[in-house]
C-alpha atoms as a PDB file:
ATOM      1  CA  MET A   1      -0.097   0.140   0.093  1.00  0.00           C
ATOM      2  CA  ASP A   2       1.325   3.321  -0.879  1.00  0.00           C
ATOM      3  CA  LEU A   3       0.336   6.179   1.240  1.00  0.00           C
ATOM      4  CA  GLY A   4       2.240   9.309  -0.094  1.00  0.00           C
ATOM      5  CA  LEU A   5       3.952  11.308   2.375  1.00  0.00           C
ATOM      6  CA  THR A   6       3.152  10.697   5.964  1.00  0.00           C
ATOM      7  CA  ARG A   7       5.455  12.459   8.356  1.00  0.00           C
ATOM      8  CA  ILE A   8       5.892  11.017  11.736  1.00  0.00           C
ATOM      9  CA  ASN A   9       8.400  12.801  13.773  1.00  0.00           C
ATOM     10  CA  GLY A  10      10.593  16.210  13.852  1.00  0.00           C
ATOM     11  CA  ILE A  11      13.222  18.335  15.314  1.00  0.00           C
ATOM     12  CA  ALA A  12      16.174  16.285  17.243  1.00  0.00           C
ATOM     13  CA  ARG A  13      16.990  17.073  20.733  1.00  0.00           C
ATOM     14  CA  ALA A  14      20.286  17.186  22.668  1.00  0.00           C
ATOM     15  CA  ASN A  15      21.336  18.660  26.156  1.00  0.00           C
ATOM     16  CA  GLY A  16      17.596  19.518  26.806  1.00  0.00           C
ATOM     17  CA  TYR A  17      17.299  21.880  23.869  1.00  0.00           C
ATOM     18  CA  ASP A  18      16.000  22.055  20.402  1.00  0.00           C
ATOM     19  CA  ARG A  19      18.845  21.947  17.889  1.00  0.00           C
ATOM     20  CA  ARG A  20      17.068  23.664  15.177  1.00  0.00           C
ATOM     21  CA  MET A  21      20.342  23.306  12.839  1.00  0.00           C
ATOM     22  CA  ALA A  22      20.186  19.275  13.057  1.00  0.00           C
ATOM     23  CA  SER A  23      16.544  17.783  12.783  1.00  0.00           C
ATOM     24  CA  GLN A  24      15.309  14.394  11.333  1.00  0.00           C
ATOM     25  CA  GLU A  25      12.000  13.932   9.650  1.00  0.00           C
ATOM     26  CA  VAL A  26      10.871  10.375   8.823  1.00  0.00           C
ATOM     27  CA  ILE A  27       8.232  10.328   5.583  1.00  0.00           C
ATOM     28  CA  VAL A  28       6.579   7.085   5.243  1.00  0.00           C
ATOM     29  CA  LEU A  29       6.695   6.211   1.594  1.00  0.00           C
ATOM     30  CA  ASN A  30       4.929   2.375   1.712  1.00  0.00           C
ATOM     31  CA  ASP A  31       2.798   1.454   5.056  1.00  0.00           C
ATOM     32  CA  PHE A  32       2.447  -2.546   4.958  1.00  0.00           C
ATOM     33  CA  GLY A  33       1.141  -2.467   8.475  1.00  0.00           C
ATOM     34  CA  SER A  34       3.689  -4.501  10.500  1.00  0.00           C
ATOM     35  CA  MET A  35       6.482  -2.917   8.178  1.00  0.00           C
ATOM     36  CA  ARG A  36       6.977   0.350   6.572  1.00  0.00           C
ATOM     37  CA  VAL A  37       9.474   1.845   3.830  1.00  0.00           C
ATOM     38  CA  GLU A  38      10.201   5.232   4.673  1.00  0.00           C
ATOM     39  CA  GLU A  39      12.814   8.466   3.696  1.00  0.00           C
ATOM     40  CA  ARG A  40      14.647   9.957   6.737  1.00  0.00           C
ATOM     41  CA  GLN A  41      15.277  13.332   5.972  1.00  0.00           C
ATOM     42  CA  ARG A  42      18.281  14.893   7.988  1.00  0.00           C
ATOM     43  CA  THR A  43      18.828  18.720   7.792  1.00  0.00           C
ATOM     44  CA  THR A  44      21.752  20.727   9.006  1.00  0.00           C
ATOM     45  CA  SER A  45      23.356  24.113   8.442  1.00  0.00           C
ATOM     46  CA  GLU A  46      24.675  22.361   4.935  1.00  0.00           C
ATOM     47  CA  GLY A  47      21.303  20.953   3.648  1.00  0.00           C
ATOM     48  CA  THR A  48      19.013  18.213   3.514  1.00  0.00           C
ATOM     49  CA  THR A  49      20.189  14.546   3.154  1.00  0.00           C
ATOM     50  CA  SER A  50      17.921  11.631   2.765  1.00  0.00           C
ATOM     51  CA  ARG A  51      18.316   7.823   3.411  1.00  0.00           C
ATOM     52  CA  TYR A  52      15.703   5.013   2.826  1.00  0.00           C
ATOM     53  CA  THR A  53      14.611   2.548   5.226  1.00  0.00           C
ATOM     54  CA  MET A  54      12.319  -0.442   6.390  1.00  0.00           C
ATOM     55  CA  THR A  55      10.936  -0.596   9.727  1.00  0.00           C
ATOM     56  CA  PHE A  56       8.967  -3.444  11.698  1.00  0.00           C
ATOM     57  CA  GLU A  57       6.755  -2.888  13.910  1.00  0.00           C
ATOM     58  CA  GLY A  58       8.380  -3.656  17.474  1.00  0.00           C
ATOM     59  CA  GLU A  59       5.112  -5.086  19.203  1.00  0.00           C
ATOM     60  CA  PRO A  60       4.136  -8.030  17.375  1.00  0.00           C
ATOM     61  CA  ILE A  61       8.039  -9.120  17.794  1.00  0.00           C
ATOM     62  CA  VAL A  62       8.814  -8.329  21.245  1.00  0.00           C
ATOM     63  CA  HIS A  63       5.306  -7.616  22.951  1.00  0.00           C
ATOM     64  CA  ASP A  64       5.079  -5.576  25.803  1.00  0.00           C
ATOM     65  CA  PHE A  65       9.012  -4.831  25.373  1.00  0.00           C
ATOM     66  CA  ALA A  66       8.744  -2.888  22.298  1.00  0.00           C
ATOM     67  CA  ALA A  67       9.711   0.574  24.025  1.00  0.00           C
ATOM     68  CA  ALA A  68      12.557  -1.016  26.081  1.00  0.00           C
ATOM     69  CA  LYS A  69      15.937  -1.173  24.856  1.00  0.00           C
ATOM     70  CA  LEU A  70      16.750  -4.595  24.680  1.00  0.00           C
ATOM     71  CA  SER A  71      19.789  -6.600  24.203  1.00  0.00           C
ATOM     72  CA  THR A  72      21.379  -6.434  20.561  1.00  0.00           C
ATOM     73  CA  ILE A  73      21.015 -10.095  19.837  1.00  0.00           C
ATOM     74  CA  VAL A  74      17.513  -9.407  18.850  1.00  0.00           C
ATOM     75  CA  PRO A  75      18.343  -7.274  15.702  1.00  0.00           C
ATOM     76  CA  GLN A  76      21.242  -9.190  15.093  1.00  0.00           C
ATOM     77  CA  ALA A  77      19.098 -12.252  14.979  1.00  0.00           C
ATOM     78  CA  ILE A  78      16.669 -10.361  12.588  1.00  0.00           C
ATOM     79  CA  ALA A  79      19.082  -9.138  10.176  1.00  0.00           C
ATOM     80  CA  ALA A  80      20.676 -12.714  10.047  1.00  0.00           C
ATOM     81  CA  LEU A  81      16.993 -13.907   9.055  1.00  0.00           C
ATOM     82  CA  LEU A  82      16.325 -11.443   6.297  1.00  0.00           C
ATOM     83  CA  LYS A  83      20.146 -12.159   5.152  1.00  0.00           C
ATOM     84  CA  LYS A  84      19.471 -15.682   5.153  1.00  0.00           C
ATOM     85  CA  GLN A  85      15.763 -15.461   3.194  1.00  0.00           C
ATOM     86  CA  ILE A  86      17.091 -13.414   0.693  1.00  0.00           C
ATOM     87  CA  GLY A  87      20.114 -15.530  -0.421  1.00  0.00           C
ATOM     88  CA  GLU A  88      17.855 -18.599  -0.460  1.00  0.00           C
ATOM     89  CA  ILE A  89      15.798 -17.440  -3.106  1.00  0.00           C
ATOM     90  CA  LYS A  90      15.172 -19.213  -6.167  1.00  0.00           C
ATOM     91  CA  ALA A  91      12.919 -17.321  -8.359  1.00  0.00           C
ATOM     92  CA  LYS A  92      14.929 -16.273 -11.498  1.00  0.00           C
ATOM     93  CA  ALA A  93      15.224 -12.841 -12.582  1.00  0.00           C
ATOM     94  CA  SER A  94      14.071 -12.130 -16.299  1.00  0.00           C
ATOM     95  CA  GLU A  95      16.147 -12.208 -19.217  1.00  0.00           C
ATOM     96  CA  ALA A  96      16.726  -8.674 -19.764  1.00  0.00           C
ATOM     97  CA  THR A  97      17.893  -8.363 -16.089  1.00  0.00           C
ATOM     98  CA  ILE A  98      20.412 -10.866 -16.857  1.00  0.00           C
ATOM     99  CA  GLN A  99      21.623  -9.521 -19.524  1.00  0.00           C
ATOM    100  CA  LYS A 100      21.363  -6.017 -17.399  1.00  0.00           C
ATOM    101  CA  ARG A 101      23.652  -7.719 -14.811  1.00  0.00           C
ATOM    102  CA  ALA A 102      26.037  -9.162 -17.633  1.00  0.00           C
ATOM    103  CA  TYR A 103      26.208  -5.830 -19.145  1.00  0.00           C
ATOM    104  CA  ALA A 104      26.963  -4.042 -15.714  1.00  0.00           C
ATOM    105  CA  GLU A 105      29.858  -6.382 -15.170  1.00  0.00           C
ATOM    106  CA  SER A 106      31.660  -5.245 -17.905  1.00  0.00           C
ATOM    107  CA  ALA A 107      30.745  -1.610 -17.593  1.00  0.00           C
ATOM    108  CA  LEU A 108      32.307  -1.805 -13.799  1.00  0.00           C
ATOM    109  CA  LYS A 109      35.684  -3.547 -14.991  1.00  0.00           C
ATOM    110  CA  ARG A 110      35.710  -0.654 -17.411  1.00  0.00           C
ATOM    111  CA  GLY A 111      35.178   1.921 -14.690  1.00  0.00           C
ATOM    112  CA  ALA A 112      31.789   3.211 -16.014  1.00  0.00           C
ATOM    113  CA  ALA A 113      31.009   6.005 -13.556  1.00  0.00           C
ATOM    114  CA  TRP A 114      26.967   4.624 -13.205  1.00  0.00           C
ATOM    115  CA  ALA A 115      28.584   0.696 -12.593  1.00  0.00           C
ATOM    116  CA  THR A 116      31.027   1.918  -9.879  1.00  0.00           C
ATOM    117  CA  LYS A 117      28.121   4.114  -8.287  1.00  0.00           C
ATOM    118  CA  ARG A 118      25.790   1.275  -8.201  1.00  0.00           C
ATOM    119  CA  TYR A 119      28.407  -1.497  -7.073  1.00  0.00           C
ATOM    120  CA  THR A 120      30.912   0.362  -4.918  1.00  0.00           C
ATOM    121  CA  GLY A 121      31.138   2.626  -1.976  1.00  0.00           C
ATOM    122  CA  GLY A 122      30.233   2.362   1.889  1.00  0.00           C
ATOM    123  CA  ARG A 123      30.999  -0.560   4.103  1.00  0.00           C
ATOM    124  CA  THR A 124      30.139  -3.244   1.717  1.00  0.00           C
ATOM    125  CA  GLY A 125      32.811  -1.959  -0.755  1.00  0.00           C
ATOM    126  CA  SER A 126      33.079  -3.457  -4.008  1.00  0.00           C
ATOM    127  CA  LEU A 127      30.821  -6.458  -5.353  1.00  0.00           C
ATOM    128  CA  LEU A 128      30.848  -7.805  -8.829  1.00  0.00           C
ATOM    129  CA  PRO A 129      27.575  -7.890 -10.634  1.00  0.00           C
ATOM    130  CA  GLN A 130      26.474 -11.744 -10.877  1.00  0.00           C
ATOM    131  CA  SER A 131      28.734 -12.796  -8.182  1.00  0.00           C
ATOM    132  CA  ALA A 132      25.800 -13.945  -5.561  1.00  0.00           C
ATOM    133  CA  GLY A 133      24.815 -17.694  -6.133  1.00  0.00           C
ATOM    134  CA  ASP A 134      24.375 -18.436 -10.092  1.00  0.00           C
ATOM    135  CA  GLY A 135      23.693 -14.508 -10.614  1.00  0.00           C
ATOM    136  CA  GLU A 136      20.602 -15.121 -11.841  1.00  0.00           C
ATOM    137  CA  ALA A 137      18.142 -15.066  -8.943  1.00  0.00           C
ATOM    138  CA  LEU A 138      15.525 -12.104  -7.981  1.00  0.00           C
ATOM    139  CA  PHE A 139      17.457  -9.843  -5.559  1.00  0.00           C
ATOM    140  CA  ASN A 140      20.870 -11.459  -5.688  1.00  0.00           C
ATOM    141  CA  ASP A 141      22.717 -10.003  -8.475  1.00  0.00           C
ATOM    142  CA  SER A 142      26.084  -8.791  -6.507  1.00  0.00           C
ATOM    143  CA  GLY A 143      24.929  -9.629  -3.119  1.00  0.00           C
ATOM    144  CA  ARG A 144      24.959  -6.122  -1.937  1.00  0.00           C
ATOM    145  CA  LEU A 145      21.321  -5.769  -1.030  1.00  0.00           C
ATOM    146  CA  ALA A 146      21.519  -8.754   1.604  1.00  0.00           C
ATOM    147  CA  GLN A 147      25.225  -8.142   2.696  1.00  0.00           C
ATOM    148  CA  SER A 148      24.510  -4.274   3.649  1.00  0.00           C
ATOM    149  CA  ILE A 149      21.708  -5.168   5.700  1.00  0.00           C
ATOM    150  CA  ALA A 150      21.967  -3.791   9.428  1.00  0.00           C
ATOM    151  CA  VAL A 151      19.268  -3.956  11.741  1.00  0.00           C
ATOM    152  CA  MET A 152      18.875  -1.416  14.920  1.00  0.00           C
ATOM    153  CA  GLN A 153      16.099  -1.336  17.649  1.00  0.00           C
ATOM    154  CA  ASN A 154      14.855   2.100  18.034  1.00  0.00           C
ATOM    155  CA  PRO A 155      12.544   2.113  21.643  1.00  0.00           C
ATOM    156  CA  LYS A 156      11.241   5.602  20.561  1.00  0.00           C
ATOM    157  CA  GLU A 157       9.633   4.475  17.633  1.00  0.00           C
ATOM    158  CA  GLU A 158       8.854   1.226  18.964  1.00  0.00           C
ATOM    159  CA  GLY A 159      10.438  -0.888  16.346  1.00  0.00           C
ATOM    160  CA  PHE A 160      13.395  -2.191  14.327  1.00  0.00           C
ATOM    161  CA  THR A 161      14.973   0.114  11.839  1.00  0.00           C
ATOM    162  CA  ILE A 162      16.271  -1.942   8.731  1.00  0.00           C
ATOM    163  CA  ASN A 163      19.340  -0.113   6.815  1.00  0.00           C
ATOM    164  CA  VAL A 164      20.613  -1.491   3.369  1.00  0.00           C
ATOM    165  CA  ALA A 165      22.749   0.233   0.827  1.00  0.00           C
ATOM    166  CA  ALA A 166      21.831   3.548  -0.206  1.00  0.00           C
ATOM    167  CA  ASN A 167      21.427   2.520  -4.061  1.00  0.00           C
ATOM    168  CA  ARG A 168      19.453  -0.661  -3.400  1.00  0.00           C
ATOM    169  CA  LEU A 169      16.325   1.059  -1.569  1.00  0.00           C
ATOM    170  CA  ASN A 170      15.965   4.396  -3.379  1.00  0.00           C
ATOM    171  CA  PRO A 171      12.457   4.961  -4.807  1.00  0.00           C
ATOM    172  CA  ASP A 172      14.145   7.573  -7.126  1.00  0.00           C
ATOM    173  CA  THR A 173      15.991   4.970  -9.127  1.00  0.00           C
ATOM    174  CA  PHE A 174      12.272   3.153 -10.209  1.00  0.00           C
ATOM    175  CA  SER A 175       9.868   4.487 -12.527  1.00  0.00           C
ATOM    176  CA  GLY A 176       5.764   4.539 -11.801  1.00  0.00           C
ATOM    177  CA  GLY A 177       4.613   2.023  -9.519  1.00  0.00           C
ATOM    178  CA  ALA A 178       7.931  -0.388 -10.056  1.00  0.00           C
ATOM    179  CA  PHE A 179       9.372   0.590  -6.322  1.00  0.00           C
ATOM    180  CA  THR A 180       6.254  -0.798  -4.809  1.00  0.00           C
ATOM    181  CA  ARG A 181       5.968  -3.654  -6.758  1.00  0.00           C
ATOM    182  CA  MET A 182       9.464  -4.582  -6.159  1.00  0.00           C
ATOM    183  CA  ILE A 183       9.084  -4.441  -2.206  1.00  0.00           C
ATOM    184  CA  GLU A 184       5.977  -6.526  -2.545  1.00  0.00           C
ATOM    185  CA  ARG A 185       7.929  -9.299  -4.816  1.00  0.00           C
ATOM    186  CA  LEU A 186      10.658  -9.136  -2.179  1.00  0.00           C
ATOM    187  CA  ARG A 187       8.290  -9.451   1.099  1.00  0.00           C
ATOM    188  CA  GLU A 188       6.516 -12.666  -1.150  1.00  0.00           C
ATOM    189  CA  LEU A 189       9.750 -14.526  -1.570  1.00  0.00           C
ATOM    190  CA  ALA A 190      11.529 -13.531   1.445  1.00  0.00           C
ATOM    191  CA  PRO A 191       8.544 -13.371   4.008  1.00  0.00           C
ATOM    192  CA  ALA A 192      10.488 -12.465   6.682  1.00  0.00           C
ATOM    193  CA  PHE A 193      10.085  -8.718   5.281  1.00  0.00           C
ATOM    194  CA  LYS A 194       6.734  -8.718   6.377  1.00  0.00           C
ATOM    195  CA  GLY A 195       7.668  -8.235   9.732  1.00  0.00           C
ATOM    196  CA  GLY A 196       5.568  -9.684  12.674  1.00  0.00           C
ATOM    197  CA  ILE A 197       4.821 -13.122  12.913  1.00  0.00           C
ATOM    198  CA  GLU A 198       6.771 -13.972   9.858  1.00  0.00           C
ATOM    199  CA  VAL A 199      10.114 -12.582  12.230  1.00  0.00           C
ATOM    200  CA  LEU A 200       9.040 -13.940  15.409  1.00  0.00           C
ATOM    201  CA  GLN A 201       8.318 -17.718  14.061  1.00  0.00           C
ATOM    202  CA  ASP A 202      11.967 -17.876  13.285  1.00  0.00           C
ATOM    203  CA  GLN A 203      13.445 -19.955  16.061  1.00  0.00           C
ATOM    204  CA  ALA A 204      16.938 -18.112  16.638  1.00  0.00           C
ATOM    205  CA  VAL A 205      14.659 -14.867  16.393  1.00  0.00           C
ATOM    206  CA  ASN A 206      12.302 -16.149  19.058  1.00  0.00           C
ATOM    207  CA  ASP A 207      15.046 -17.600  21.494  1.00  0.00           C
ATOM    208  CA  ALA A 208      16.953 -14.228  21.303  1.00  0.00           C
ATOM    209  CA  VAL A 209      13.939 -12.116  22.080  1.00  0.00           C
ATOM    210  CA  LYS A 210      12.948 -14.331  25.142  1.00  0.00           C
ATOM    211  CA  GLN A 211      17.234 -14.282  26.186  1.00  0.00           C
ATOM    212  CA  ALA A 212      16.552 -10.269  25.716  1.00  0.00           C
ATOM    213  CA  GLN A 213      13.337  -9.731  27.566  1.00  0.00           C
ATOM    214  CA  ALA A 214      15.097 -12.585  30.412  1.00  0.00           C
ATOM    215  CA  GLU A 215      17.979 -10.123  30.626  1.00  0.00           C
ATOM    216  CA  PHE A 216      15.943  -7.045  31.038  1.00  0.00           C
ATOM    217  CA  ILE A 217      14.310  -8.387  33.566  1.00  0.00           C
ATOM    218  CA  VAL A 218      16.932  -9.367  35.448  1.00  0.00           C
ATOM    219  CA  ASN A 219      18.754  -5.939  35.203  1.00  0.00           C
ATOM    220  CA  ALA A 220      15.895  -4.138  36.290  1.00  0.00           C
ATOM    221  CA  ALA A 221      15.414  -6.235  39.397  1.00  0.00           C
ATOM    222  CA  ARG A 222      19.274  -5.765  39.923  1.00  0.00           C
ATOM    223  CA  ASP A 223      18.472  -2.010  39.724  1.00  0.00           C
ATOM    224  CA  GLN A 224      15.673  -2.064  41.590  1.00  0.00           C
ATOM    225  CA  ALA A 225      17.210  -4.007  44.524  1.00  0.00           C
ATOM    226  CA  SER A 226      20.422  -1.690  44.677  1.00  0.00           C
ATOM    227  CA  GLY A 227      17.676   1.382  44.632  1.00  0.00           C
ATOM    228  CA  LYS A 228      18.735   2.821  41.107  1.00  0.00           C
ATOM    229  CA  PRO A 229      16.658   5.183  39.487  1.00  0.00           C
ATOM    230  CA  MET A 230      13.962   3.000  37.363  1.00  0.00           C
ATOM    231  CA  THR A 231      11.603   4.178  34.553  1.00  0.00           C
ATOM    232  CA  PRO A 232       7.490   3.861  35.035  1.00  0.00           C
ATOM    233  CA  LEU A 233       8.106   1.153  31.808  1.00  0.00           C
ATOM    234  CA  ALA A 234      11.120  -0.737  33.514  1.00  0.00           C
ATOM    235  CA  LEU A 235       8.921  -0.973  36.730  1.00  0.00           C
ATOM    236  CA  GLU A 236       6.010  -2.022  34.773  1.00  0.00           C
ATOM    237  CA  LEU A 237       7.725  -4.859  32.783  1.00  0.00           C
ATOM    238  CA  LEU A 238       9.427  -6.108  36.485  1.00  0.00           C
ATOM    239  CA  LYS A 239       5.938  -6.270  38.030  1.00  0.00           C
ATOM    240  CA  LYS A 240       4.487  -8.218  34.867  1.00  0.00           C
ATOM    241  CA  TYR A 241       7.352 -10.510  33.913  1.00  0.00           C
ATOM    242  CA  GLY A 242       9.381 -10.765  37.238  1.00  0.00           C
ATOM    243  CA  GLY A 243       7.713 -14.247  38.128  1.00  0.00           C
ATOM    244  CA  ARG A 244       8.403 -15.629  35.041  1.00  0.00           C
ATOM    245  CA  TYR A 245      11.961 -14.864  34.424  1.00  0.00           C
ATOM    246  CA  LEU A 246      13.566 -14.332  37.479  1.00  0.00           C
ATOM    247  CA  VAL A 247      13.669 -18.086  38.216  1.00  0.00           C
ATOM    248  CA  ARG A 248      15.809 -19.153  35.743  1.00  0.00           C
ATOM    249  CA  PRO A 249      19.200 -19.825  37.134  1.00  0.00           C
ATOM    250  CA  ILE A 250      21.222 -19.687  34.033  1.00  0.00           C
ATOM    251  CA  LEU A 251      20.931 -15.759  34.399  1.00  0.00           C
ATOM    252  CA  GLY A 252      22.377 -16.069  37.943  1.00  0.00           C
ATOM    253  CA  VAL A 253      19.653 -14.262  39.598  1.00  0.00           C
END
């Protein structure tokens, strides 16, 4: 579903005051319910830059802990699942797409500017076209899409933000409704991109969520016992889940 431009947050804050010279705005480009495609605009005195991300709603995955800062084992497990499912895609790209990949490979070797821009740069570095698998599967050209995936929990937005290489999720590089169709096809072939239960039903993610929740409750109990200041959310979660997680000897309680 394409909802156009929906703005969901504004001025960034630091040290107790508004930083009008550095603000961030999130614009929802596509909303699929438990998963959104977003443009994140950051404005400074030097201008505005954009990056494109996906966001999973946190509640269907971590439930009451969506606004709690959990261990990084959860986003790491989600990232591993997304990468795995992309790599397992067997659907073949069209012959025209395969020919374009072959041409891109020769163009990159010649040093063509457009090919260099598409297949190099960033943390992923340079990856040759057609080097992922047999080079013919959908979403598996150079492998840049899968390899660049990084997931972060965003408690303030109660979700998980998925970052990919900047030149793999930019709607401006697609014409008409091709971008939305591409996202829909990706969600069909790699169901974890639907978010929600499609993510949580993965055993590794499920185990990570349970472990992270347990660690949060144990740490909250230790903070309470030592008299440290606690947020209302931590107190609420401790009250609700303390009986479930504080009896696990493996956590050293």
